[in-house]
Every structure is written in structure tokens, then in C-alpha cells.
Amino acid sequence: MADVHIELDDDLIRSLKATADLKGRTLEEELRDIISRAAPLTPQERVALSDRIRAKQAKPSDLLSEDLMREDRNAR
């Protein structure tokens, strides 16, 4: 796990602590929950990520398996 250091306003910290107390949690547990809920990708972000990965991959060959099989059969 990585350590993350973030400077937050004192009023925000007090508010988050109060929210955590109301839920019977520590401030750290509350922050982990907030971050975890914010982390999932939207469908549009998933598509954009998929497009970026696809763009980095080698283009598929135009060679068809049927052509390879036919070539092998004709070579006999």
C-alpha cells in the first residue's frame, strides 16, 4: 500500500471526523470509504481506457486461418 499525504482544511477535517463519529468509524475508515466509492470508472472512462490500450497494441494480421489451412492442404 502507498502512503498518501494530503493537506486538508481544518474545517473539512472536523466535518469528516464528525461524519465518521456518527457512523461509528475512525477518520481513516471514513476517508477510505469515500475514496473507494469515488474510484470506480464510469462507462465512458472504461471505453476511453479500452481505446487507449487497443491503440497501443499491434494491429492484427490480415491472414485468415482458412487461408493457412487451404495452403497447407494444397501443399500435400
N, C-alpha and C. Protein backbone atom coordinates (compact mmCIF):
# COMPACT_ATOMS: atom_id res chain seq x y z
N MET A 1 0.83 -1.18 0.00
CA MET A 1 0.00 0.00 0.00
C MET A 1 0.87 1.24 0.00
N ALA A 2 0.41 2.27 -0.64
CA ALA A 2 1.17 3.51 -0.73
C ALA A 2 0.70 4.49 0.36
N ASP A 3 1.64 5.27 0.85
CA ASP A 3 1.29 6.34 1.77
C ASP A 3 0.97 7.57 0.96
N VAL A 4 -0.12 8.24 1.31
CA VAL A 4 -0.54 9.44 0.61
C VAL A 4 -0.66 10.56 1.65
N HIS A 5 -0.11 11.69 1.30
CA HIS A 5 -0.19 12.84 2.21
C HIS A 5 -0.95 13.95 1.50
N ILE A 6 -2.06 14.38 2.12
CA ILE A 6 -2.89 15.42 1.53
C ILE A 6 -3.15 16.49 2.59
N GLU A 7 -2.95 17.72 2.21
CA GLU A 7 -3.27 18.83 3.11
C GLU A 7 -4.75 19.16 2.97
N LEU A 8 -5.49 19.08 4.08
CA LEU A 8 -6.92 19.39 4.06
C LEU A 8 -7.21 20.51 5.04
N ASP A 9 -8.20 21.30 4.71
CA ASP A 9 -8.65 22.40 5.55
C ASP A 9 -9.12 21.86 6.91
N ASP A 10 -8.83 22.58 7.99
CA ASP A 10 -9.22 22.14 9.33
C ASP A 10 -10.73 21.95 9.47
N ASP A 11 -11.50 22.83 8.85
CA ASP A 11 -12.97 22.70 8.90
C ASP A 11 -13.42 21.41 8.22
N LEU A 12 -12.79 21.07 7.12
CA LEU A 12 -13.13 19.84 6.42
C LEU A 12 -12.79 18.63 7.28
N ILE A 13 -11.64 18.66 7.93
CA ILE A 13 -11.24 17.56 8.81
C ILE A 13 -12.26 17.40 9.94
N ARG A 14 -12.66 18.51 10.56
CA ARG A 14 -13.65 18.44 11.64
C ARG A 14 -14.97 17.84 11.13
N SER A 15 -15.38 18.26 9.95
CA SER A 15 -16.62 17.75 9.37
C SER A 15 -16.52 16.25 9.08
N LEU A 16 -15.39 15.83 8.51
CA LEU A 16 -15.19 14.41 8.21
C LEU A 16 -15.12 13.57 9.49
N LYS A 17 -14.48 14.11 10.52
CA LYS A 17 -14.41 13.40 11.80
C LYS A 17 -15.81 13.25 12.40
N ALA A 18 -16.62 14.31 12.32
CA ALA A 18 -17.98 14.24 12.84
C ALA A 18 -18.79 13.21 12.09
N THR A 19 -18.66 13.18 10.78
CA THR A 19 -19.36 12.19 9.96
C THR A 19 -18.92 10.79 10.33
N ALA A 20 -17.61 10.60 10.49
CA ALA A 20 -17.07 9.29 10.88
C ALA A 20 -17.61 8.88 12.24
N ASP A 21 -17.62 9.80 13.20
CA ASP A 21 -18.14 9.50 14.53
C ASP A 21 -19.60 9.07 14.49
N LEU A 22 -20.40 9.75 13.68
CA LEU A 22 -21.81 9.40 13.55
C LEU A 22 -21.99 7.98 13.01
N LYS A 23 -21.04 7.54 12.19
CA LYS A 23 -21.11 6.20 11.60
C LYS A 23 -20.36 5.17 12.43
N GLY A 24 -19.76 5.62 13.54
CA GLY A 24 -19.01 4.69 14.39
C GLY A 24 -17.71 4.25 13.78
N ARG A 25 -17.10 5.13 13.00
CA ARG A 25 -15.85 4.81 12.31
C ARG A 25 -14.77 5.80 12.69
N THR A 26 -13.54 5.41 12.37
CA THR A 26 -12.43 6.34 12.52
C THR A 26 -12.40 7.25 11.30
N LEU A 27 -11.64 8.32 11.40
CA LEU A 27 -11.48 9.22 10.26
C LEU A 27 -10.85 8.47 9.09
N GLU A 28 -9.87 7.64 9.37
CA GLU A 28 -9.22 6.88 8.29
C GLU A 28 -10.21 5.96 7.60
N GLU A 29 -11.05 5.26 8.36
CA GLU A 29 -12.06 4.38 7.75
C GLU A 29 -13.03 5.18 6.88
N GLU A 30 -13.42 6.34 7.37
CA GLU A 30 -14.33 7.19 6.59
C GLU A 30 -13.68 7.65 5.30
N LEU A 31 -12.43 8.07 5.38
CA LEU A 31 -11.73 8.52 4.18
C LEU A 31 -11.54 7.38 3.18
N ARG A 32 -11.21 6.19 3.67
CA ARG A 32 -11.06 5.04 2.77
C ARG A 32 -12.37 4.74 2.05
N ASP A 33 -13.49 4.83 2.78
CA ASP A 33 -14.79 4.58 2.18
C ASP A 33 -15.11 5.62 1.11
N ILE A 34 -14.87 6.87 1.43
CA ILE A 34 -15.14 7.96 0.47
C ILE A 34 -14.31 7.76 -0.80
N ILE A 35 -13.04 7.46 -0.64
CA ILE A 35 -12.15 7.27 -1.80
C ILE A 35 -12.56 6.04 -2.59
N SER A 36 -12.90 4.96 -1.90
CA SER A 36 -13.31 3.73 -2.59
C SER A 36 -14.56 3.94 -3.43
N ARG A 37 -15.51 4.70 -2.89
CA ARG A 37 -16.73 4.97 -3.65
C ARG A 37 -16.47 5.88 -4.84
N ALA A 38 -15.45 6.71 -4.76
CA ALA A 38 -15.14 7.64 -5.86
C ALA A 38 -14.29 6.99 -6.94
N ALA A 39 -13.70 5.83 -6.66
CA ALA A 39 -12.72 5.23 -7.55
C ALA A 39 -13.28 4.54 -8.80
N PRO A 40 -14.46 3.92 -8.78
CA PRO A 40 -14.90 3.18 -9.97
C PRO A 40 -14.96 4.06 -11.23
N LEU A 41 -14.60 3.45 -12.34
CA LEU A 41 -14.64 4.15 -13.62
C LEU A 41 -16.07 4.19 -14.15
N THR A 42 -16.40 5.29 -14.80
CA THR A 42 -17.69 5.40 -15.47
C THR A 42 -17.62 4.56 -16.76
N PRO A 43 -18.76 4.24 -17.34
CA PRO A 43 -18.72 3.50 -18.62
C PRO A 43 -17.91 4.24 -19.69
N GLN A 44 -18.02 5.56 -19.73
CA GLN A 44 -17.26 6.33 -20.72
C GLN A 44 -15.76 6.23 -20.44
N GLU A 45 -15.38 6.26 -19.17
CA GLU A 45 -13.96 6.13 -18.82
C GLU A 45 -13.44 4.74 -19.17
N ARG A 46 -14.27 3.72 -18.97
CA ARG A 46 -13.87 2.35 -19.34
C ARG A 46 -13.63 2.24 -20.84
N VAL A 47 -14.52 2.83 -21.63
CA VAL A 47 -14.37 2.81 -23.08
C VAL A 47 -13.10 3.55 -23.50
N ALA A 48 -12.87 4.72 -22.89
CA ALA A 48 -11.67 5.50 -23.23
C ALA A 48 -10.40 4.73 -22.87
N LEU A 49 -10.40 4.06 -21.72
CA LEU A 49 -9.24 3.26 -21.33
C LEU A 49 -9.04 2.10 -22.29
N SER A 50 -10.11 1.45 -22.66
CA SER A 50 -10.05 0.35 -23.62
C SER A 50 -9.50 0.83 -24.97
N ASP A 51 -9.96 1.98 -25.42
CA ASP A 51 -9.48 2.54 -26.69
C ASP A 51 -7.98 2.84 -26.62
N ARG A 52 -7.53 3.38 -25.48
CA ARG A 52 -6.10 3.69 -25.33
C ARG A 52 -5.26 2.42 -25.36
N ILE A 53 -5.73 1.37 -24.69
CA ILE A 53 -5.00 0.10 -24.68
C ILE A 53 -4.97 -0.50 -26.07
N ARG A 54 -6.13 -0.49 -26.74
CA ARG A 54 -6.22 -1.05 -28.09
C ARG A 54 -5.30 -0.32 -29.06
N ALA A 55 -5.18 0.99 -28.92
CA ALA A 55 -4.34 1.79 -29.82
C ALA A 55 -2.86 1.44 -29.64
N LYS A 56 -2.48 0.99 -28.46
CA LYS A 56 -1.08 0.66 -28.20
C LYS A 56 -0.71 -0.75 -28.69
N GLN A 57 -1.69 -1.58 -28.95
CA GLN A 57 -1.44 -2.95 -29.37
C GLN A 57 -1.14 -3.02 -30.86
N ALA A 58 -0.40 -4.07 -31.22
CA ALA A 58 -0.10 -4.30 -32.63
C ALA A 58 -1.40 -4.62 -33.38
N LYS A 59 -1.45 -4.17 -34.59
CA LYS A 59 -2.63 -4.41 -35.41
C LYS A 59 -2.69 -5.91 -35.76
N PRO A 60 -3.88 -6.49 -35.75
CA PRO A 60 -3.99 -7.91 -36.09
C PRO A 60 -3.63 -8.16 -37.55
N SER A 61 -3.17 -9.35 -37.80
CA SER A 61 -2.79 -9.74 -39.15
C SER A 61 -4.03 -9.90 -40.02
N ASP A 62 -3.87 -9.66 -41.30
CA ASP A 62 -4.96 -9.88 -42.25
C ASP A 62 -5.02 -11.35 -42.68
N LEU A 63 -4.09 -12.14 -42.18
CA LEU A 63 -4.02 -13.55 -42.52
C LEU A 63 -5.18 -14.30 -41.87
N LEU A 64 -5.89 -15.09 -42.65
CA LEU A 64 -7.03 -15.85 -42.15
C LEU A 64 -6.63 -17.30 -41.95
N SER A 65 -7.17 -17.93 -40.92
CA SER A 65 -6.85 -19.33 -40.65
C SER A 65 -7.30 -20.22 -41.81
N GLU A 66 -8.40 -19.85 -42.47
CA GLU A 66 -8.87 -20.65 -43.61
C GLU A 66 -7.84 -20.67 -44.73
N ASP A 67 -7.18 -19.53 -44.94
CA ASP A 67 -6.16 -19.46 -45.98
C ASP A 67 -4.97 -20.35 -45.62
N LEU A 68 -4.58 -20.35 -44.36
CA LEU A 68 -3.46 -21.20 -43.92
C LEU A 68 -3.79 -22.67 -44.09
N MET A 69 -5.02 -23.05 -43.74
CA MET A 69 -5.43 -24.44 -43.87
C MET A 69 -5.46 -24.85 -45.35
N ARG A 70 -5.99 -23.98 -46.19
CA ARG A 70 -6.07 -24.27 -47.63
C ARG A 70 -4.67 -24.40 -48.22
N GLU A 71 -3.79 -23.49 -47.82
CA GLU A 71 -2.41 -23.52 -48.31
C GLU A 71 -1.74 -24.82 -47.89
N ASP A 72 -1.94 -25.24 -46.65
CA ASP A 72 -1.34 -26.48 -46.17
C ASP A 72 -1.91 -27.68 -46.92
N ARG A 73 -3.21 -27.68 -47.13
CA ARG A 73 -3.86 -28.79 -47.83
C ARG A 73 -3.37 -28.88 -49.28
N ASN A 74 -3.23 -27.73 -49.94
CA ASN A 74 -2.79 -27.71 -51.33
C ASN A 74 -1.31 -28.10 -51.48
N ALA A 75 -0.56 -27.94 -50.41
CA ALA A 75 0.86 -28.26 -50.47
C ALA A 75 1.11 -29.76 -50.43
N ARG A 76 0.12 -30.54 -50.08
CA ARG A 76 0.30 -32.01 -49.97
C ARG A 76 0.23 -32.67 -51.30
